[in-house]
Amino acid sequence: MLLGDRNTLYFHRRAVNRKQRNKISTLKLSDGTWCDDNLTLQEEATRYFASLFSKDDTPEEPFPSERSFPTLHDHLLCHLDDLPTDDESKRPDFEVSSAYSHILASPWDDKDQIWDLIWKNTVPQRVRLFLWLTCRQRLMTNSERCRRGLGTSVVCPRCHMADESVLHTLRDCVESKAAWMQLLAPRMREVFFQLDLHSWLRCNLSSHVALPGDDIPWRILFASLLWQLRKNKNDLIFNNLPPFGWICLNVDGAVSPSTCMGSVGGLFRDTDGRWLLGFNKLLGVTSPLIAKLWAIYIGLKLAWDNGFEYVQVQSDCLEVVKLIRDPTEACNSLSLVRAIDLYRRKCLVTEIIWTPRDANKPIDRLAKCVNSHLFDVLTLDEPPDYLQPILAVDISALHS
């Protein structure tokens, strides 16, 4: 009541305006004609609400159940126990509960000897867990990634000669096979490389024979070497060495949570990890997604200006990678995505891949160490001093 009568007048006007807006001036009658006569509108409103809350004595028709539900033929009944496929799981009428019930009903032999061989093996717990994932074929190989829709190629990234299955990456790949050949006796090699996955694991994990001159049982050496082979493969993938003759472009974007100011950074390296060119830039107020897109755009522009033809772009943002890999990126609503597509359609041969955040630490530091008053792109022919320790660790990991 601070404003006295004027306050009352304000609320009075608000009520009058709302009353005018809520007024019904025209109605469509049951015969399809429009009516604006006030008397007829009152009668229609009274009749409508009177019939709305009155009892309806109209007899209800029985539910037409006959011929309402289709019958399943014999050739369909035999498929009721099948597990749902990937296409079926994407249907709107798919239920997770039914899929879970099917999975639980699938055959599972908890008395199989292989589980005792795995969990009673005297190796570290992380190795036992790795063996269990191997036996269940749940290792994230390229074949498994493509099956889950997370990858585009099933080819082994080391030998490029076959699909990367669990058995291929641990035994049949060129590098893995060379490691096994150094340990196996000639009489064991033929059988060793012919068994299927489960038979291979069961046969080797149950062996108590020790190598000549060594008192460590073969089952322990076998499990340890399996884990080390997988670890070496992961180090190769996570360090993301580009193919020979390609230039690796690592990019990253950072946004301050307090000021929302964004910045980007990027680093060009050859296949040996040597520094070729670095850059960073202050963007201003932006979002993390836009900042990471800006980093790729600026990096491709510098690659074009410096004559880098074969460029492998590595980003730790999976959303950005999916956006740029989308076949419809030329029609994307984000102008930065369309601009990136234009550069990729030039003479540049580019590949966009995801890299873990741990492998992108030097670029993250480069993106955060920008001049807060300079909005131009700053190119670095030599690595700055604050980046030297991180680069030394990163290069040692690449060549380990």
Foldseek 3Di string as FASTA:
>chain_A
DVVPVVVVVVVVVVVVVVVVVPDDQWDQDPVGDIDRDPVVVVVVVVVVVVVVPDDDPDDDDDDPPPPPDDDDDPVVVVCPLPQDAPVRCPDPPDDPVVNVVSVVPDDDDPPDVLLCLLVVDPDDPVLSVVVVCLVVQNDPALVNCVRVVNDDDQAQPPQSPDGDGSCCLCDVPPVNVVVVVVQDDPVCVVVQVPDDRVVNLVVQSPFQDDGVPDNHGRNHVSSVSSVVSVVVSVLCVQLPQDPAPAKEKEKAKDADPVQQWIKIKIFIDHSLLDGAKIKMFTDGRDDRLVRRLVRLLVVLVVCVVVVRAHYEYEYQDSVNLCCLPPPCQCVDPDVSSVSSVVSCPPSHPYHYDYHHPLSRVLRVVVGVPDDPVGGDMDMDRDDDPVSVVVSVVSSVSNVD
